[in-house]
Amino acid sequence: PMPIIADLPNGWTEINPGGETTCSRGQPWGFFVRPGTVNKVILEFQGGGACWNKGTCSFADAIFKDNIDDIRQAVVAGHSAGLTDHENEANPVRDWTHVYIPYCTGDIHWGHNRIVYGDGEPGAVELHHRGAINGMAALRWLTDNVVQPETVLATGCSAGSYGSIGWTPHLAKAYPEARIVQFGDCGAGIITDTFLRDSFPS
C-alpha cells in the first residue's frame, strides 16, 4: 500500500504506486511528495522531449528521459531550484504541498499505449507510453490524501506544460470547490495538421 500523507516525513518522499505504472522502456516509475503547511497544492509535471515514431523513439535519452533516476538522485542530493526550492522566501508555493510528477514516457504525460515502432523492421523499438496511467496514479493518491484544498496549481515546462494542460480538467472535477490554476511554461498547444493526423495518434 502507498503511504498516507500524514505519515510522510518533512522533505521529499518517493512514492511508488506499482501496478501498470511504468517508464517508457519498462523501468519502474514513481512520484515525489513534499507535505506543506498550508491547505494548497502544487502538482508539477516534469518536462522533457517526446517521441512518436521509430526515428524519435530509438535514441535512448537523446530526446527524452526513459527513467526517473535523475530526479531521484537530485532529490537525494537535496538539489532544488525555482518552485522546488521550499527554503526560498520568494517562492510563492514554498509552504504548499508539492507533488512532483517525473516524466519518462515520451508522451507529454497523456499516453495510454504500448506500441512497437518499426514493427518487423531491423531496429524496431517498443515503447510504453504510460503517462496517463502514471498521472492517474499520482492524482488518485493526491485526492485520497488532500481532500479539500483551497487552491490547486498545475504547472510544468515543455512536455510538463502539456501535462498540466491535460490534467487540469481532472483536477477541476476532483476538487469542484477549489480554486484551480493552470500555469504552463513553453507549452503553447499549437501543432500542425500533419502532426495531428500522422503522429499524435501514437
Protein backbone atom coordinates (compact mmCIF):
# COMPACT_ATOMS: atom_id res chain seq x y z
CA PRO A 1 0.00 0.00 0.00
CA MET A 2 1.12 3.57 -0.64
CA PRO A 3 1.93 5.74 2.38
CA ILE A 4 -0.57 8.35 3.51
CA ILE A 5 0.40 11.99 3.69
CA ALA A 6 0.08 12.12 7.48
CA ASP A 7 2.90 9.57 7.77
CA LEU A 8 5.33 11.33 5.43
CA PRO A 9 8.40 13.00 6.93
CA ASN A 10 9.41 16.57 6.19
CA GLY A 11 11.05 16.98 2.82
CA TRP A 12 10.59 14.82 -0.26
CA THR A 13 9.35 11.23 -0.26
CA GLU A 14 9.28 8.93 -3.29
CA ILE A 15 6.01 7.08 -3.72
CA ASN A 16 5.94 4.01 -5.95
CA PRO A 17 2.38 3.04 -6.94
CA GLY A 18 3.34 -0.08 -8.93
CA GLY A 19 0.52 -1.71 -10.88
CA GLU A 20 0.51 -0.63 -14.52
CA THR A 21 2.67 2.45 -13.93
CA THR A 22 5.96 2.32 -15.80
CA CYS A 23 8.53 4.29 -17.72
CA SER A 24 8.77 4.00 -21.50
CA ARG A 25 11.16 1.05 -21.61
CA GLY A 26 9.76 -0.80 -18.62
CA GLN A 27 11.68 0.81 -15.76
CA PRO A 28 9.76 1.39 -12.51
CA TRP A 29 8.02 4.74 -12.08
CA GLY A 30 7.25 6.80 -9.00
CA PHE A 31 6.38 10.34 -7.99
CA PHE A 32 7.60 12.62 -5.22
CA VAL A 33 5.68 14.41 -2.48
CA ARG A 34 6.72 17.14 -0.07
CA PRO A 35 4.00 17.86 2.53
CA GLY A 36 3.18 21.52 3.06
CA THR A 37 1.94 23.60 5.97
CA VAL A 38 -0.98 25.30 4.20
CA ASN A 39 -4.06 23.84 2.52
CA LYS A 40 -2.78 24.41 -1.02
CA VAL A 41 -1.25 22.02 -3.55
CA ILE A 42 1.12 22.34 -6.48
CA LEU A 43 1.10 19.48 -8.98
CA GLU A 44 4.26 19.90 -11.06
CA PHE A 45 4.85 17.86 -14.21
CA GLN A 46 8.45 17.34 -15.27
CA GLY A 47 9.36 18.49 -18.76
CA GLY A 48 11.36 16.80 -21.47
CA GLY A 49 11.00 15.80 -25.09
CA ALA A 50 8.56 13.42 -26.71
CA CYS A 51 8.64 10.69 -29.32
CA TRP A 52 6.10 9.40 -31.82
CA ASN A 53 7.86 7.26 -34.45
CA LYS A 54 10.82 4.93 -34.90
CA GLY A 55 13.21 7.79 -35.55
CA THR A 56 12.35 9.84 -32.49
CA CYS A 57 11.87 6.90 -30.11
CA SER A 58 15.01 4.93 -30.95
CA PHE A 59 17.54 7.32 -29.39
CA ALA A 60 17.68 6.37 -25.72
CA ASP A 61 17.89 9.56 -23.63
CA ALA A 62 18.65 11.75 -26.66
CA ILE A 63 15.14 13.22 -26.95
CA PHE A 64 13.51 12.29 -23.62
CA LYS A 65 14.46 10.52 -20.40
CA ASP A 66 13.40 6.87 -20.22
CA ASN A 67 13.72 6.58 -16.42
CA ILE A 68 13.39 8.72 -13.28
CA ASP A 69 16.92 8.16 -11.94
CA ASP A 70 17.95 11.80 -12.47
CA ILE A 71 15.04 13.08 -10.40
CA ARG A 72 15.65 10.53 -7.66
CA GLN A 73 19.34 11.49 -7.48
CA ALA A 74 18.51 15.21 -7.38
CA VAL A 75 16.05 14.67 -4.52
CA VAL A 76 18.52 12.55 -2.55
CA ALA A 77 21.25 15.14 -3.10
CA GLY A 78 18.94 17.93 -1.99
CA HIS A 79 19.12 19.87 -5.25
CA SER A 80 16.36 22.42 -5.55
CA ALA A 81 15.64 25.49 -7.64
CA GLY A 82 12.66 27.58 -8.64
CA LEU A 83 9.38 26.13 -7.43
CA THR A 84 11.10 23.15 -5.76
CA ASP A 85 13.20 25.46 -3.54
CA HIS A 86 10.98 25.50 -0.47
CA GLU A 87 13.61 27.30 1.59
CA ASN A 88 13.42 30.39 -0.63
CA GLU A 89 11.15 33.00 0.95
CA ALA A 90 10.46 34.46 -2.50
CA ASN A 91 8.97 31.16 -3.69
CA PRO A 92 5.18 31.70 -3.77
CA VAL A 93 4.47 27.98 -3.22
CA ARG A 94 7.12 27.34 -0.57
CA ASP A 95 4.56 26.27 2.06
CA TRP A 96 2.31 24.29 -0.28
CA THR A 97 2.11 20.51 -0.55
CA HIS A 98 4.22 19.74 -3.63
CA VAL A 99 3.55 16.72 -5.83
CA TYR A 100 6.23 16.26 -8.49
CA ILE A 101 5.38 14.01 -11.45
CA PRO A 102 8.52 12.64 -13.16
CA TYR A 103 8.44 12.22 -16.92
CA CYS A 104 9.88 9.15 -18.65
CA THR A 105 7.18 8.10 -21.11
CA GLY A 106 7.76 10.30 -24.18
CA ASP A 107 4.05 11.14 -24.40
CA ILE A 108 3.66 14.57 -22.73
CA HIS A 109 2.06 12.84 -19.71
CA TRP A 110 -1.01 11.86 -21.79
CA GLY A 111 -0.24 8.40 -23.20
CA HIS A 112 -2.06 5.13 -22.68
CA ASN A 113 -0.47 2.95 -25.32
CA ARG A 114 2.11 0.26 -25.92
CA ILE A 115 3.50 0.43 -29.42
CA VAL A 116 6.31 -1.13 -31.44
CA TYR A 117 7.71 1.49 -33.77
CA GLY A 118 9.08 -0.11 -36.94
CA ASP A 119 7.42 -3.43 -36.13
CA GLY A 120 9.00 -6.16 -38.27
CA GLU A 121 11.91 -3.92 -39.29
CA PRO A 122 15.52 -4.02 -38.06
CA GLY A 123 15.93 -1.80 -35.03
CA ALA A 124 12.26 -1.84 -34.05
CA VAL A 125 11.59 -0.04 -30.76
CA GLU A 126 8.96 -0.98 -28.17
CA LEU A 127 7.64 1.95 -26.14
CA HIS A 128 5.27 2.12 -23.19
CA HIS A 129 3.51 5.46 -23.45
CA ARG A 130 2.00 5.32 -19.96
CA GLY A 131 1.91 8.98 -18.94
CA ALA A 132 -1.86 8.85 -18.40
CA ILE A 133 -1.55 5.75 -16.22
CA ASN A 134 1.25 7.33 -14.18
CA GLY A 135 -0.56 10.65 -13.84
CA MET A 136 -3.77 8.96 -12.72
CA ALA A 137 -1.90 7.02 -10.04
CA ALA A 138 -0.50 10.28 -8.64
CA LEU A 139 -3.88 12.00 -8.88
CA ARG A 140 -5.61 9.15 -7.03
CA TRP A 141 -3.04 9.36 -4.25
CA LEU A 142 -3.47 13.13 -4.09
CA THR A 143 -7.27 13.04 -3.92
CA ASP A 144 -7.16 10.30 -1.27
CA ASN A 145 -4.79 12.37 0.87
CA VAL A 146 -5.70 16.00 0.28
CA VAL A 147 -9.48 16.15 0.44
CA GLN A 148 -10.47 19.84 0.28
CA PRO A 149 -7.58 22.08 -0.76
CA GLU A 150 -8.20 25.80 -1.14
CA THR A 151 -6.06 26.06 -4.28
CA VAL A 152 -4.50 23.57 -6.70
CA LEU A 153 -1.83 24.75 -9.14
CA ALA A 154 -1.00 22.52 -12.13
CA THR A 155 2.24 23.50 -13.83
CA GLY A 156 5.25 22.30 -15.76
CA CYS A 157 7.67 23.22 -18.51
CA SER A 158 7.62 21.97 -22.12
CA ALA A 159 6.18 18.42 -22.03
CA GLY A 160 5.28 19.18 -18.42
CA SER A 161 3.30 22.20 -19.55
CA TYR A 162 1.24 19.97 -21.84
CA GLY A 163 0.84 17.55 -18.94
CA SER A 164 -0.54 20.33 -16.76
CA ILE A 165 -2.94 21.36 -19.54
CA GLY A 166 -4.21 17.80 -19.97
CA TRP A 167 -4.64 17.08 -16.27
CA THR A 168 -6.26 20.37 -15.20
CA PRO A 169 -9.82 19.25 -16.13
CA HIS A 170 -9.33 16.14 -13.98
CA LEU A 171 -8.21 18.30 -11.07
CA ALA A 172 -11.23 20.56 -11.53
CA LYS A 173 -13.54 17.52 -11.45
CA ALA A 174 -11.80 16.06 -8.39
CA TYR A 175 -11.84 19.37 -6.50
CA PRO A 176 -15.02 21.25 -7.51
CA GLU A 177 -14.79 23.68 -4.59
CA ALA A 178 -11.10 24.53 -5.02
CA ARG A 179 -9.53 27.33 -7.00
CA ILE A 180 -7.81 25.54 -9.89
CA VAL A 181 -4.93 27.31 -11.65
CA GLN A 182 -3.02 26.05 -14.68
CA PHE A 183 0.24 27.83 -15.50
CA GLY A 184 2.42 26.25 -18.15
CA ASP A 185 5.87 27.24 -19.40
CA CYS A 186 6.81 26.56 -23.06
CA GLY A 187 3.70 24.63 -23.98
CA ALA A 188 1.76 26.68 -26.50
CA GLY A 189 -0.68 23.96 -27.52
CA ILE A 190 -0.08 24.56 -31.22
CA ILE A 191 0.67 21.67 -33.60
CA THR A 192 0.44 21.15 -37.33
CA ASP A 193 -2.37 19.30 -39.08
CA THR A 194 0.20 16.78 -40.34
CA PHE A 195 1.43 16.04 -36.82
CA LEU A 196 -2.13 15.74 -35.54
CA ARG A 197 -3.01 13.28 -38.32
CA ASP A 198 0.17 11.20 -38.60
CA SER A 199 1.92 11.28 -35.23
CA PHE A 200 -0.42 12.29 -32.42
CA PRO A 201 -2.43 9.01 -32.54
CA SER A 202 0.67 7.13 -31.35
